[in-house]
Amino acid sequence: MAAKTRLGNRLKVARAEHGMSQEELARQVGVTRQTISSIETATYCPSALLAFRLAERLNENVDELFYLEEEVP
């Protein structure tokens, strides 16, 4: 059985490093706070455009902010 892969992220850590709330980051990239929360908990996979906006706002490289991880069965 093949392992499933999902998009992991370090959004919560990067946001905390910048002292930003979910609400503040959401407003700056044009989404809701719930969207940021869902991305942080990996229940929502952002579009490429949103991933780049988040990375740019947090002064991160996209491939450092988001990464592939195997789900544990």
N, C-alpha and C. Protein backbone atom coordinates (compact mmCIF):
# COMPACT_ATOMS: atom_id res chain seq x y z
N MET A 1 0.83 -1.17 0.00
CA MET A 1 0.00 0.00 0.00
C MET A 1 0.89 1.25 0.00
N ALA A 2 0.64 2.14 -0.95
CA ALA A 2 1.45 3.34 -1.08
C ALA A 2 1.09 4.36 0.00
N ALA A 3 2.12 5.03 0.50
CA ALA A 3 1.89 6.07 1.51
C ALA A 3 1.29 7.30 0.85
N LYS A 4 0.39 7.95 1.56
CA LYS A 4 -0.20 9.18 1.06
C LYS A 4 0.73 10.34 1.39
N THR A 5 0.76 11.30 0.49
CA THR A 5 1.58 12.48 0.70
C THR A 5 0.68 13.69 0.85
N ARG A 6 1.03 14.57 1.76
CA ARG A 6 0.27 15.80 1.93
C ARG A 6 1.23 16.97 2.02
N LEU A 7 0.68 18.16 1.91
CA LEU A 7 1.48 19.37 1.98
C LEU A 7 1.58 19.81 3.44
N GLY A 8 2.77 19.71 3.98
CA GLY A 8 3.02 20.19 5.33
C GLY A 8 3.48 21.63 5.27
N ASN A 9 3.50 22.28 6.42
CA ASN A 9 3.94 23.67 6.43
C ASN A 9 4.46 24.07 7.80
N ARG A 10 5.20 25.16 7.79
CA ARG A 10 5.66 25.76 9.04
C ARG A 10 5.11 27.18 9.15
N LEU A 11 3.88 27.34 8.67
CA LEU A 11 3.23 28.65 8.65
C LEU A 11 3.05 29.21 10.06
N LYS A 12 2.59 28.38 10.98
CA LYS A 12 2.36 28.86 12.36
C LYS A 12 3.65 29.36 12.99
N VAL A 13 4.73 28.64 12.78
CA VAL A 13 6.03 29.03 13.34
C VAL A 13 6.51 30.33 12.71
N ALA A 14 6.44 30.42 11.39
CA ALA A 14 6.89 31.63 10.69
C ALA A 14 6.05 32.84 11.09
N ARG A 15 4.75 32.63 11.23
CA ARG A 15 3.86 33.72 11.63
C ARG A 15 4.22 34.19 13.05
N ALA A 16 4.48 33.25 13.94
CA ALA A 16 4.86 33.59 15.32
C ALA A 16 6.20 34.33 15.35
N GLU A 17 7.12 33.94 14.49
CA GLU A 17 8.42 34.62 14.43
C GLU A 17 8.26 36.09 14.03
N HIS A 18 7.19 36.39 13.31
CA HIS A 18 6.91 37.77 12.89
C HIS A 18 5.93 38.47 13.84
N GLY A 19 5.53 37.77 14.91
CA GLY A 19 4.62 38.36 15.89
C GLY A 19 3.26 38.70 15.32
N MET A 20 2.80 37.90 14.36
CA MET A 20 1.53 38.18 13.70
C MET A 20 0.44 37.22 14.15
N SER A 21 -0.77 37.74 14.26
CA SER A 21 -1.93 36.89 14.54
C SER A 21 -2.42 36.29 13.22
N GLN A 22 -3.24 35.26 13.33
CA GLN A 22 -3.85 34.69 12.13
C GLN A 22 -4.66 35.75 11.40
N GLU A 23 -5.38 36.54 12.17
CA GLU A 23 -6.23 37.60 11.60
C GLU A 23 -5.40 38.61 10.80
N GLU A 24 -4.29 39.03 11.37
CA GLU A 24 -3.43 40.02 10.71
C GLU A 24 -2.84 39.47 9.41
N LEU A 25 -2.33 38.24 9.46
CA LEU A 25 -1.76 37.64 8.26
C LEU A 25 -2.84 37.45 7.20
N ALA A 26 -4.00 36.99 7.62
CA ALA A 26 -5.11 36.79 6.69
C ALA A 26 -5.46 38.08 5.97
N ARG A 27 -5.57 39.16 6.71
CA ARG A 27 -5.91 40.46 6.13
C ARG A 27 -4.85 40.88 5.11
N GLN A 28 -3.59 40.65 5.43
CA GLN A 28 -2.51 41.10 4.55
C GLN A 28 -2.42 40.31 3.25
N VAL A 29 -2.90 39.06 3.25
CA VAL A 29 -2.85 38.26 2.02
C VAL A 29 -4.21 38.08 1.37
N GLY A 30 -5.26 38.66 1.98
CA GLY A 30 -6.57 38.66 1.36
C GLY A 30 -7.41 37.41 1.52
N VAL A 31 -7.27 36.75 2.68
CA VAL A 31 -8.10 35.57 2.97
C VAL A 31 -8.70 35.73 4.36
N THR A 32 -9.48 34.76 4.80
CA THR A 32 -10.07 34.82 6.14
C THR A 32 -9.12 34.19 7.17
N ARG A 33 -9.37 34.52 8.42
CA ARG A 33 -8.59 33.92 9.51
C ARG A 33 -8.77 32.40 9.51
N GLN A 34 -9.98 31.96 9.17
CA GLN A 34 -10.26 30.52 9.14
C GLN A 34 -9.40 29.82 8.09
N THR A 35 -9.14 30.49 6.97
CA THR A 35 -8.27 29.91 5.94
C THR A 35 -6.87 29.71 6.48
N ILE A 36 -6.34 30.71 7.17
CA ILE A 36 -5.00 30.59 7.75
C ILE A 36 -4.97 29.45 8.76
N SER A 37 -5.99 29.36 9.60
CA SER A 37 -6.07 28.28 10.58
C SER A 37 -6.09 26.91 9.90
N SER A 38 -6.88 26.80 8.84
CA SER A 38 -6.98 25.52 8.12
C SER A 38 -5.68 25.14 7.44
N ILE A 39 -4.95 26.12 6.94
CA ILE A 39 -3.64 25.84 6.33
C ILE A 39 -2.68 25.37 7.41
N GLU A 40 -2.67 26.05 8.55
CA GLU A 40 -1.75 25.70 9.64
C GLU A 40 -1.99 24.29 10.16
N THR A 41 -3.23 23.84 10.15
CA THR A 41 -3.54 22.49 10.64
C THR A 41 -3.54 21.46 9.52
N ALA A 42 -3.15 21.88 8.33
CA ALA A 42 -3.06 21.01 7.15
C ALA A 42 -4.39 20.37 6.77
N THR A 43 -5.49 21.07 7.07
CA THR A 43 -6.80 20.59 6.62
C THR A 43 -7.20 21.26 5.32
N TYR A 44 -6.45 22.27 4.91
CA TYR A 44 -6.69 22.96 3.64
C TYR A 44 -5.36 23.15 2.94
N CYS A 45 -5.32 22.85 1.67
CA CYS A 45 -4.12 23.01 0.86
C CYS A 45 -4.26 24.30 0.05
N PRO A 46 -3.40 25.28 0.28
CA PRO A 46 -3.54 26.55 -0.41
C PRO A 46 -3.18 26.44 -1.90
N SER A 47 -3.73 27.35 -2.67
CA SER A 47 -3.35 27.43 -4.08
C SER A 47 -1.89 27.86 -4.17
N ALA A 48 -1.28 27.66 -5.31
CA ALA A 48 0.10 28.09 -5.50
C ALA A 48 0.21 29.60 -5.30
N LEU A 49 -0.76 30.34 -5.81
CA LEU A 49 -0.73 31.80 -5.66
C LEU A 49 -0.76 32.21 -4.20
N LEU A 50 -1.64 31.59 -3.41
CA LEU A 50 -1.71 31.91 -1.98
C LEU A 50 -0.44 31.49 -1.26
N ALA A 51 0.11 30.35 -1.60
CA ALA A 51 1.37 29.90 -0.98
C ALA A 51 2.48 30.91 -1.23
N PHE A 52 2.56 31.43 -2.46
CA PHE A 52 3.58 32.42 -2.77
C PHE A 52 3.32 33.73 -2.03
N ARG A 53 2.05 34.14 -1.91
CA ARG A 53 1.72 35.37 -1.18
C ARG A 53 2.12 35.24 0.29
N LEU A 54 1.81 34.09 0.88
CA LEU A 54 2.17 33.86 2.28
C LEU A 54 3.69 33.88 2.47
N ALA A 55 4.39 33.19 1.60
CA ALA A 55 5.85 33.14 1.69
C ALA A 55 6.45 34.54 1.54
N GLU A 56 5.94 35.29 0.59
CA GLU A 56 6.45 36.65 0.37
C GLU A 56 6.21 37.52 1.59
N ARG A 57 5.00 37.46 2.14
CA ARG A 57 4.66 38.28 3.30
C ARG A 57 5.50 37.93 4.52
N LEU A 58 5.84 36.65 4.65
CA LEU A 58 6.62 36.19 5.80
C LEU A 58 8.12 36.15 5.53
N ASN A 59 8.50 36.66 4.34
CA ASN A 59 9.91 36.72 3.97
C ASN A 59 10.57 35.34 4.02
N GLU A 60 9.87 34.37 3.43
CA GLU A 60 10.33 32.98 3.40
C GLU A 60 10.37 32.50 1.95
N ASN A 61 11.13 31.47 1.69
CA ASN A 61 11.06 30.79 0.41
C ASN A 61 9.87 29.83 0.48
N VAL A 62 9.15 29.70 -0.61
CA VAL A 62 7.98 28.82 -0.63
C VAL A 62 8.35 27.41 -0.21
N ASP A 63 9.48 26.90 -0.71
CA ASP A 63 9.85 25.52 -0.40
C ASP A 63 10.39 25.35 1.02
N GLU A 64 10.57 26.44 1.74
CA GLU A 64 10.91 26.35 3.16
C GLU A 64 9.66 26.45 4.03
N LEU A 65 8.67 27.19 3.52
CA LEU A 65 7.42 27.36 4.26
C LEU A 65 6.49 26.16 4.07
N PHE A 66 6.51 25.58 2.87
CA PHE A 66 5.67 24.42 2.54
C PHE A 66 6.56 23.28 2.08
N TYR A 67 6.18 22.06 2.44
CA TYR A 67 6.97 20.88 2.07
C TYR A 67 6.05 19.66 2.00
N LEU A 68 6.52 18.64 1.31
CA LEU A 68 5.75 17.40 1.21
C LEU A 68 6.09 16.49 2.37
N GLU A 69 5.08 15.85 2.93
CA GLU A 69 5.31 14.90 4.01
C GLU A 69 4.40 13.70 3.82
N GLU A 70 4.88 12.55 4.21
CA GLU A 70 4.09 11.33 4.11
C GLU A 70 3.19 11.21 5.33
N GLU A 71 1.91 10.90 5.07
CA GLU A 71 0.97 10.70 6.17
C GLU A 71 1.23 9.33 6.78
N VAL A 72 1.15 9.26 8.09
CA VAL A 72 1.33 7.99 8.80
C VAL A 72 -0.01 7.26 8.77
N PRO A 73 -0.02 6.01 8.28
CA PRO A 73 -1.29 5.26 8.19
C PRO A 73 -1.88 4.94 9.55
